[in-house]
Amino acid sequence: MVVLAVLAVAATASAGEACRKIQHLGEGYTVCTFDAVNDDIQIFQNDRSGKPYGSFRALENDLRQDRIYVRFAMNGGMYLDDQSPVGLFVENGREVKAINTNQGWGNFHLLPNGVFYLGSGKAGIMESKAFAASGIKPFYATQSGPMLVISGKVHPSFLADSPSLKTRNGVGVTSDGKVVFAISDGAVRFHDFATLFRDELKCPNALFLDGSISSLDIPEWQRRDSLFPLGPIIAVTEMLPD
């Protein structure tokens, strides 16, 4: 099914209703939109024993002990060999790892990179150095890179004819504060993925989360990707009724 416009999502919408398939420049994507005010969006790393979750199934099983249901989840930022975050990670208001603004190799260091953050019913994406200088104290935050869209402009390093094609996933925030997650169905270039967020999803700021390990969990669609170990996980949850 092809949908070319962003659909408004009611506060009570299920994850299945919040997610849809769209086409952009001839490629398919799964896109899920949530409201930071009414939807419980969190970022997870370690389970109650202090061990990285590493998978959607492990996260679901752990949260279910507290009668919490995962509506949606996506890998949420780049990580090291021990599955710890490469850059800034804030969970439950506690800074687990400091922001990383160093030069380096790889997509994370294709500057500018950025921070996706949540707190007080608001969500945002900001270039890392600007975030470090902002004084914002988020309840959740994850750093990744590169930025896809910066104040309405595509990252200056992206080429419209780049031969680098990979599965990609990312997150954007619309001008009215909606949080939009997207994952490609197949291999796409950075430039096309960025214009998806800018032109189709209307996100003035968007952040790349990862490439080949891009993973998605939508229980209502009976989709739970499990090919790769995961580091940080962004999830939308709800409390199960008694």
C-alpha atoms as a PDB file:
ATOM      1  CA  MET A   1       0.000   0.000   0.000  1.00  0.00           C
ATOM      2  CA  VAL A   2       1.397   3.403  -0.965  1.00  0.00           C
ATOM      3  CA  VAL A   3       0.697   6.410   1.239  1.00  0.00           C
ATOM      4  CA  LEU A   4       2.210   9.752   0.266  1.00  0.00           C
ATOM      5  CA  ALA A   5       1.103  11.891   3.181  1.00  0.00           C
ATOM      6  CA  VAL A   6       1.719  11.776   6.903  1.00  0.00           C
ATOM      7  CA  LEU A   7      -1.424  10.681   8.699  1.00  0.00           C
ATOM      8  CA  ALA A   8      -2.447  12.140  12.026  1.00  0.00           C
ATOM      9  CA  VAL A   9      -2.285   9.564  14.807  1.00  0.00           C
ATOM     10  CA  ALA A  10      -4.766   9.674  17.640  1.00  0.00           C
ATOM     11  CA  ALA A  11      -3.438   9.451  21.164  1.00  0.00           C
ATOM     12  CA  THR A  12      -5.152   6.097  21.579  1.00  0.00           C
ATOM     13  CA  ALA A  13      -3.930   4.666  18.270  1.00  0.00           C
ATOM     14  CA  SER A  14      -2.327   1.263  18.408  1.00  0.00           C
ATOM     15  CA  ALA A  15       1.174   0.818  17.042  1.00  0.00           C
ATOM     16  CA  GLY A  16      -0.356  -0.981  14.093  1.00  0.00           C
ATOM     17  CA  GLU A  17      -2.401   2.134  13.321  1.00  0.00           C
ATOM     18  CA  ALA A  18       0.530   4.434  13.964  1.00  0.00           C
ATOM     19  CA  CYS A  19       2.669   2.624  11.378  1.00  0.00           C
ATOM     20  CA  ARG A  20       2.264   2.560   7.619  1.00  0.00           C
ATOM     21  CA  LYS A  21       4.090   1.773   4.400  1.00  0.00           C
ATOM     22  CA  ILE A  22       5.121   4.605   2.106  1.00  0.00           C
ATOM     23  CA  GLN A  23       7.118   5.061  -1.100  1.00  0.00           C
ATOM     24  CA  HIS A  24       9.765   7.699  -1.735  1.00  0.00           C
ATOM     25  CA  LEU A  25      11.872   7.974  -4.886  1.00  0.00           C
ATOM     26  CA  GLY A  26      10.864   4.474  -5.867  1.00  0.00           C
ATOM     27  CA  GLU A  27      11.876   2.813  -2.585  1.00  0.00           C
ATOM     28  CA  GLY A  28       9.678   1.442   0.209  1.00  0.00           C
ATOM     29  CA  TYR A  29       9.775   2.440   3.873  1.00  0.00           C
ATOM     30  CA  THR A  30       7.964   1.613   7.081  1.00  0.00           C
ATOM     31  CA  VAL A  31       7.088   4.796   8.974  1.00  0.00           C
ATOM     32  CA  CYS A  32       5.649   5.054  12.503  1.00  0.00           C
ATOM     33  CA  THR A  33       4.485   8.298  14.106  1.00  0.00           C
ATOM     34  CA  PHE A  34       3.948   8.900  17.819  1.00  0.00           C
ATOM     35  CA  ASP A  35       3.037  11.816  20.071  1.00  0.00           C
ATOM     36  CA  ALA A  36       5.563  12.627  22.808  1.00  0.00           C
ATOM     37  CA  VAL A  37       2.751  14.055  24.946  1.00  0.00           C
ATOM     38  CA  ASN A  38       0.427  11.054  24.903  1.00  0.00           C
ATOM     39  CA  ASP A  39       2.639   8.123  23.926  1.00  0.00           C
ATOM     40  CA  ASP A  40       5.150   6.682  26.372  1.00  0.00           C
ATOM     41  CA  ILE A  41       8.415   6.853  24.392  1.00  0.00           C
ATOM     42  CA  GLN A  42      11.463   5.594  26.292  1.00  0.00           C
ATOM     43  CA  ILE A  43      15.071   4.629  25.561  1.00  0.00           C
ATOM     44  CA  PHE A  44      16.472   1.426  27.051  1.00  0.00           C
ATOM     45  CA  GLN A  45      19.947  -0.066  27.329  1.00  0.00           C
ATOM     46  CA  ASN A  46      20.353  -2.529  30.239  1.00  0.00           C
ATOM     47  CA  ASP A  47      17.963  -4.924  31.939  1.00  0.00           C
ATOM     48  CA  ARG A  48      17.339  -5.054  35.696  1.00  0.00           C
ATOM     49  CA  SER A  49      20.507  -7.156  36.144  1.00  0.00           C
ATOM     50  CA  GLY A  50      22.643  -4.530  34.401  1.00  0.00           C
ATOM     51  CA  LYS A  51      23.162  -6.576  31.233  1.00  0.00           C
ATOM     52  CA  PRO A  52      22.437  -5.031  27.799  1.00  0.00           C
ATOM     53  CA  TYR A  53      19.089  -6.180  26.458  1.00  0.00           C
ATOM     54  CA  GLY A  54      20.600  -6.927  23.074  1.00  0.00           C
ATOM     55  CA  SER A  55      17.261  -7.830  21.480  1.00  0.00           C
ATOM     56  CA  PHE A  56      13.645  -6.789  21.281  1.00  0.00           C
ATOM     57  CA  ARG A  57      12.514 -10.101  22.731  1.00  0.00           C
ATOM     58  CA  ALA A  58      14.679  -9.632  25.838  1.00  0.00           C
ATOM     59  CA  LEU A  59      13.259  -6.134  26.343  1.00  0.00           C
ATOM     60  CA  GLU A  60       9.694  -7.356  25.946  1.00  0.00           C
ATOM     61  CA  ASN A  61      10.191 -10.235  28.366  1.00  0.00           C
ATOM     62  CA  ASP A  62      11.786  -8.001  30.990  1.00  0.00           C
ATOM     63  CA  LEU A  63       9.135  -5.271  30.835  1.00  0.00           C
ATOM     64  CA  ARG A  64       6.322  -7.789  30.891  1.00  0.00           C
ATOM     65  CA  GLN A  65       7.289  -8.623  34.465  1.00  0.00           C
ATOM     66  CA  ASP A  66       6.002  -5.145  35.343  1.00  0.00           C
ATOM     67  CA  ARG A  67       2.909  -5.533  33.124  1.00  0.00           C
ATOM     68  CA  ILE A  68       4.371  -3.205  30.518  1.00  0.00           C
ATOM     69  CA  TYR A  69       3.667  -3.968  26.856  1.00  0.00           C
ATOM     70  CA  VAL A  70       5.969  -2.890  24.008  1.00  0.00           C
ATOM     71  CA  ARG A  71       3.883  -1.361  21.216  1.00  0.00           C
ATOM     72  CA  PHE A  72       6.835  -0.443  18.998  1.00  0.00           C
ATOM     73  CA  ALA A  73      10.627  -0.584  19.172  1.00  0.00           C
ATOM     74  CA  MET A  74      13.609   0.310  17.010  1.00  0.00           C
ATOM     75  CA  ASN A  75      17.367   0.175  17.467  1.00  0.00           C
ATOM     76  CA  GLY A  76      18.260   3.517  18.971  1.00  0.00           C
ATOM     77  CA  GLY A  77      21.824   4.578  18.273  1.00  0.00           C
ATOM     78  CA  MET A  78      25.289   3.258  17.548  1.00  0.00           C
ATOM     79  CA  TYR A  79      27.182   1.156  20.050  1.00  0.00           C
ATOM     80  CA  LEU A  80      30.564  -0.375  20.856  1.00  0.00           C
ATOM     81  CA  ASP A  81      31.541  -4.050  20.882  1.00  0.00           C
ATOM     82  CA  ASP A  82      30.206  -4.412  24.439  1.00  0.00           C
ATOM     83  CA  GLN A  83      26.847  -2.972  23.242  1.00  0.00           C
ATOM     84  CA  SER A  84      27.349   0.246  25.227  1.00  0.00           C
ATOM     85  CA  PRO A  85      26.502   3.550  23.490  1.00  0.00           C
ATOM     86  CA  VAL A  86      29.151   5.332  21.421  1.00  0.00           C
ATOM     87  CA  GLY A  87      27.902   8.750  22.527  1.00  0.00           C
ATOM     88  CA  LEU A  88      25.524  10.489  24.898  1.00  0.00           C
ATOM     89  CA  PHE A  89      23.060   8.230  26.658  1.00  0.00           C
ATOM     90  CA  VAL A  90      20.562   9.429  29.259  1.00  0.00           C
ATOM     91  CA  GLU A  91      18.069   7.067  30.885  1.00  0.00           C
ATOM     92  CA  ASN A  92      15.524   8.061  33.533  1.00  0.00           C
ATOM     93  CA  GLY A  93      17.211  11.443  33.881  1.00  0.00           C
ATOM     94  CA  ARG A  94      20.643   9.946  34.603  1.00  0.00           C
ATOM     95  CA  GLU A  95      23.525  10.553  32.219  1.00  0.00           C
ATOM     96  CA  VAL A  96      25.032   7.118  31.655  1.00  0.00           C
ATOM     97  CA  LYS A  97      27.545   8.299  29.064  1.00  0.00           C
ATOM     98  CA  ALA A  98      28.734  11.799  28.191  1.00  0.00           C
ATOM     99  CA  ILE A  99      28.258  13.466  24.827  1.00  0.00           C
ATOM    100  CA  ASN A 100      30.875  12.623  22.186  1.00  0.00           C
ATOM    101  CA  THR A 101      31.928  15.494  19.916  1.00  0.00           C
ATOM    102  CA  ASN A 102      35.263  14.014  18.836  1.00  0.00           C
ATOM    103  CA  GLN A 103      36.490  13.674  15.275  1.00  0.00           C
ATOM    104  CA  GLY A 104      36.710  10.090  14.077  1.00  0.00           C
ATOM    105  CA  TRP A 105      35.935   7.456  11.475  1.00  0.00           C
ATOM    106  CA  GLY A 106      32.563   6.100  10.454  1.00  0.00           C
ATOM    107  CA  ASN A 107      28.997   7.353  10.199  1.00  0.00           C
ATOM    108  CA  PHE A 108      28.783   8.462  13.825  1.00  0.00           C
ATOM    109  CA  HIS A 109      31.616  10.943  13.217  1.00  0.00           C
ATOM    110  CA  LEU A 110      30.303  12.222   9.877  1.00  0.00           C
ATOM    111  CA  LEU A 111      29.731  15.617  11.450  1.00  0.00           C
ATOM    112  CA  PRO A 112      27.429  17.115  12.335  1.00  0.00           C
ATOM    113  CA  ASN A 113      25.968  14.253  14.325  1.00  0.00           C
ATOM    114  CA  GLY A 114      23.107  14.767  16.746  1.00  0.00           C
ATOM    115  CA  VAL A 115      21.019  13.916  19.792  1.00  0.00           C
ATOM    116  CA  PHE A 116      17.451  12.643  20.010  1.00  0.00           C
ATOM    117  CA  TYR A 117      16.017  13.605  23.390  1.00  0.00           C
ATOM    118  CA  LEU A 118      12.793  13.346  25.383  1.00  0.00           C
ATOM    119  CA  GLY A 119      11.488  15.078  28.484  1.00  0.00           C
ATOM    120  CA  SER A 120       8.430  16.823  29.940  1.00  0.00           C
ATOM    121  CA  GLY A 121       6.196  15.615  27.130  1.00  0.00           C
ATOM    122  CA  LYS A 122       8.473  17.016  24.449  1.00  0.00           C
ATOM    123  CA  ALA A 123      10.841  15.488  21.930  1.00  0.00           C
ATOM    124  CA  GLY A 124      13.640  17.076  19.957  1.00  0.00           C
ATOM    125  CA  ILE A 125      16.615  16.478  17.716  1.00  0.00           C
ATOM    126  CA  MET A 126      19.589  18.788  17.885  1.00  0.00           C
ATOM    127  CA  GLU A 127      23.110  18.899  16.493  1.00  0.00           C
ATOM    128  CA  SER A 128      25.445  17.547  19.202  1.00  0.00           C
ATOM    129  CA  LYS A 129      27.531  20.642  19.904  1.00  0.00           C
ATOM    130  CA  ALA A 130      24.418  22.816  20.024  1.00  0.00           C
ATOM    131  CA  PHE A 131      22.807  20.337  22.409  1.00  0.00           C
ATOM    132  CA  ALA A 132      25.879  20.341  24.679  1.00  0.00           C
ATOM    133  CA  ALA A 133      25.695  24.134  24.870  1.00  0.00           C
ATOM    134  CA  SER A 134      21.910  24.281  25.315  1.00  0.00           C
ATOM    135  CA  GLY A 135      21.701  23.299  28.968  1.00  0.00           C
ATOM    136  CA  ILE A 136      18.797  20.948  28.203  1.00  0.00           C
ATOM    137  CA  LYS A 137      18.387  18.235  30.858  1.00  0.00           C
ATOM    138  CA  PRO A 138      16.463  15.430  29.143  1.00  0.00           C
ATOM    139  CA  PHE A 139      14.842  12.433  30.769  1.00  0.00           C
ATOM    140  CA  TYR A 140      15.990  10.266  27.863  1.00  0.00           C
ATOM    141  CA  ALA A 141      18.592  10.927  25.180  1.00  0.00           C
ATOM    142  CA  THR A 142      20.648   9.021  22.636  1.00  0.00           C
ATOM    143  CA  GLN A 143      23.373  10.335  20.364  1.00  0.00           C
ATOM    144  CA  SER A 144      23.952   9.049  16.851  1.00  0.00           C
ATOM    145  CA  GLY A 145      25.110  10.291  13.509  1.00  0.00           C
ATOM    146  CA  PRO A 146      25.128  11.726  11.091  1.00  0.00           C
ATOM    147  CA  MET A 147      22.278  14.195  11.220  1.00  0.00           C
ATOM    148  CA  LEU A 148      20.039  13.605   8.216  1.00  0.00           C
ATOM    149  CA  VAL A 149      18.227  16.937   8.163  1.00  0.00           C
ATOM    150  CA  ILE A 150      19.413  20.077   9.959  1.00  0.00           C
ATOM    151  CA  SER A 151      16.949  22.983  10.195  1.00  0.00           C
ATOM    152  CA  GLY A 152      15.301  21.891   6.966  1.00  0.00           C
ATOM    153  CA  LYS A 153      18.522  21.234   5.043  1.00  0.00           C
ATOM    154  CA  VAL A 154      20.004  17.893   4.032  1.00  0.00           C
ATOM    155  CA  HIS A 155      23.392  17.052   5.581  1.00  0.00           C
ATOM    156  CA  PRO A 156      25.993  18.784   3.373  1.00  0.00           C
ATOM    157  CA  SER A 157      28.060  15.608   2.851  1.00  0.00           C
ATOM    158  CA  PHE A 158      25.257  13.595   1.244  1.00  0.00           C
ATOM    159  CA  LEU A 159      25.438  13.036  -2.527  1.00  0.00           C
ATOM    160  CA  ALA A 160      22.339  12.535  -4.670  1.00  0.00           C
ATOM    161  CA  ASP A 161      24.244  10.005  -6.809  1.00  0.00           C
ATOM    162  CA  SER A 162      26.200   8.237  -4.060  1.00  0.00           C
ATOM    163  CA  PRO A 163      26.875   4.548  -4.812  1.00  0.00           C
ATOM    164  CA  SER A 164      26.665   3.680  -1.076  1.00  0.00           C
ATOM    165  CA  LEU A 165      23.389   1.790  -0.657  1.00  0.00           C
ATOM    166  CA  LYS A 166      22.387   0.232   2.665  1.00  0.00           C
ATOM    167  CA  THR A 167      19.326  -0.484   4.766  1.00  0.00           C
ATOM    168  CA  ARG A 168      18.898   2.562   6.991  1.00  0.00           C
ATOM    169  CA  ASN A 169      16.751   3.705   9.911  1.00  0.00           C
ATOM    170  CA  GLY A 170      16.305   7.027  11.644  1.00  0.00           C
ATOM    171  CA  VAL A 171      14.098   9.352  13.647  1.00  0.00           C
ATOM    172  CA  GLY A 172      12.718  12.817  12.982  1.00  0.00           C
ATOM    173  CA  VAL A 173      10.637  15.360  14.855  1.00  0.00           C
ATOM    174  CA  THR A 174       7.997  17.418  13.075  1.00  0.00           C
ATOM    175  CA  SER A 175       7.440  21.125  13.665  1.00  0.00           C
ATOM    176  CA  ASP A 176       4.439  20.284  15.880  1.00  0.00           C
ATOM    177  CA  GLY A 177       6.432  17.842  18.011  1.00  0.00           C
ATOM    178  CA  LYS A 178       5.439  14.464  16.575  1.00  0.00           C
ATOM    179  CA  VAL A 179       8.156  11.785  16.624  1.00  0.00           C
ATOM    180  CA  VAL A 180       8.558   9.956  13.319  1.00  0.00           C
ATOM    181  CA  PHE A 181      10.556   6.735  12.946  1.00  0.00           C
ATOM    182  CA  ALA A 182      11.447   5.302   9.535  1.00  0.00           C
ATOM    183  CA  ILE A 183      13.258   2.221   8.260  1.00  0.00           C
ATOM    184  CA  SER A 184      13.933   1.382   4.636  1.00  0.00           C
ATOM    185  CA  ASP A 185      12.663  -1.865   3.145  1.00  0.00           C
ATOM    186  CA  GLY A 186      15.845  -2.214   1.138  1.00  0.00           C
ATOM    187  CA  ALA A 187      19.165  -0.529   0.433  1.00  0.00           C
ATOM    188  CA  VAL A 188      19.017   3.263  -0.024  1.00  0.00           C
ATOM    189  CA  ARG A 189      21.524   6.132  -0.095  1.00  0.00           C
ATOM    190  CA  PHE A 190      21.865   8.704   2.677  1.00  0.00           C
ATOM    191  CA  HIS A 191      20.614  11.529   0.443  1.00  0.00           C
ATOM    192  CA  ASP A 192      17.357   9.761  -0.424  1.00  0.00           C
ATOM    193  CA  PHE A 193      16.765   8.771   3.203  1.00  0.00           C
ATOM    194  CA  ALA A 194      17.287  12.385   4.282  1.00  0.00           C
ATOM    195  CA  THR A 195      14.857  13.751   1.689  1.00  0.00           C
ATOM    196  CA  LEU A 196      12.273  11.222   2.896  1.00  0.00           C
ATOM    197  CA  PHE A 197      12.312  12.958   6.279  1.00  0.00           C
ATOM    198  CA  ARG A 198      12.479  16.466   4.838  1.00  0.00           C
ATOM    199  CA  ASP A 199      10.002  16.229   1.975  1.00  0.00           C
ATOM    200  CA  GLU A 200       7.570  13.402   2.791  1.00  0.00           C
ATOM    201  CA  LEU A 201       7.597  13.321   6.593  1.00  0.00           C
ATOM    202  CA  LYS A 202       7.989  17.103   7.061  1.00  0.00           C
ATOM    203  CA  CYS A 203      10.694  16.860   9.719  1.00  0.00           C
ATOM    204  CA  PRO A 204      12.942  19.952   9.901  1.00  0.00           C
ATOM    205  CA  ASN A 205      15.412  17.882  11.944  1.00  0.00           C
ATOM    206  CA  ALA A 206      16.133  14.171  11.603  1.00  0.00           C
ATOM    207  CA  LEU A 207      18.845  11.818  12.850  1.00  0.00           C
ATOM    208  CA  PHE A 208      20.341   8.646  11.387  1.00  0.00           C
ATOM    209  CA  LEU A 209      20.240   5.749  13.836  1.00  0.00           C
ATOM    210  CA  ASP A 210      22.134   3.015  11.978  1.00  0.00           C
ATOM    211  CA  GLY A 211      22.646   1.159   8.735  1.00  0.00           C
ATOM    212  CA  SER A 212      23.040  -2.558   8.243  1.00  0.00           C
ATOM    213  CA  ILE A 213      21.778  -3.471  11.723  1.00  0.00           C
ATOM    214  CA  SER A 214      18.563  -1.448  11.278  1.00  0.00           C
ATOM    215  CA  SER A 215      15.867  -3.339  13.178  1.00  0.00           C
ATOM    216  CA  LEU A 216      12.165  -2.914  13.864  1.00  0.00           C
ATOM    217  CA  ASP A 217       9.656  -4.423  16.288  1.00  0.00           C
ATOM    218  CA  ILE A 218       5.911  -4.026  15.667  1.00  0.00           C
ATOM    219  CA  PRO A 219       4.117  -6.815  17.579  1.00  0.00           C
ATOM    220  CA  GLU A 220       0.744  -6.057  15.954  1.00  0.00           C
ATOM    221  CA  TRP A 221       2.342  -6.642  12.563  1.00  0.00           C
ATOM    222  CA  GLN A 222       4.030  -9.790  13.858  1.00  0.00           C
ATOM    223  CA  ARG A 223       7.376  -8.263  12.972  1.00  0.00           C
ATOM    224  CA  ARG A 224      10.313  -8.600  15.337  1.00  0.00           C
ATOM    225  CA  ASP A 225      13.707  -8.269  13.628  1.00  0.00           C
ATOM    226  CA  SER A 226      16.405 -10.320  15.326  1.00  0.00           C
ATOM    227  CA  LEU A 227      19.357 -10.672  12.949  1.00  0.00           C
ATOM    228  CA  PHE A 228      21.785  -8.487  14.898  1.00  0.00           C
ATOM    229  CA  PRO A 229      22.611  -7.766  18.550  1.00  0.00           C
ATOM    230  CA  LEU A 230      21.361  -4.335  19.596  1.00  0.00           C
ATOM    231  CA  GLY A 231      22.644  -1.555  21.811  1.00  0.00           C
ATOM    232  CA  PRO A 232      20.234   1.230  22.828  1.00  0.00           C
ATOM    233  CA  ILE A 233      16.581   0.544  22.012  1.00  0.00           C
ATOM    234  CA  ILE A 234      13.881   3.191  21.575  1.00  0.00           C
ATOM    235  CA  ALA A 235      10.466   1.789  22.521  1.00  0.00           C
ATOM    236  CA  VAL A 236       6.887   2.952  22.833  1.00  0.00           C
ATOM    237  CA  THR A 237       5.217   1.172  25.743  1.00  0.00           C
ATOM    238  CA  GLU A 238       1.942   1.027  27.623  1.00  0.00           C
ATOM    239  CA  MET A 239       0.804  -0.433  30.923  1.00  0.00           C
ATOM    240  CA  LEU A 240      -1.347  -3.535  30.562  1.00  0.00           C
ATOM    241  CA  PRO A 241      -4.755  -3.376  32.292  1.00  0.00           C
ATOM    242  CA  ASP A 242      -5.284  -5.433  35.445  1.00  0.00           C
END
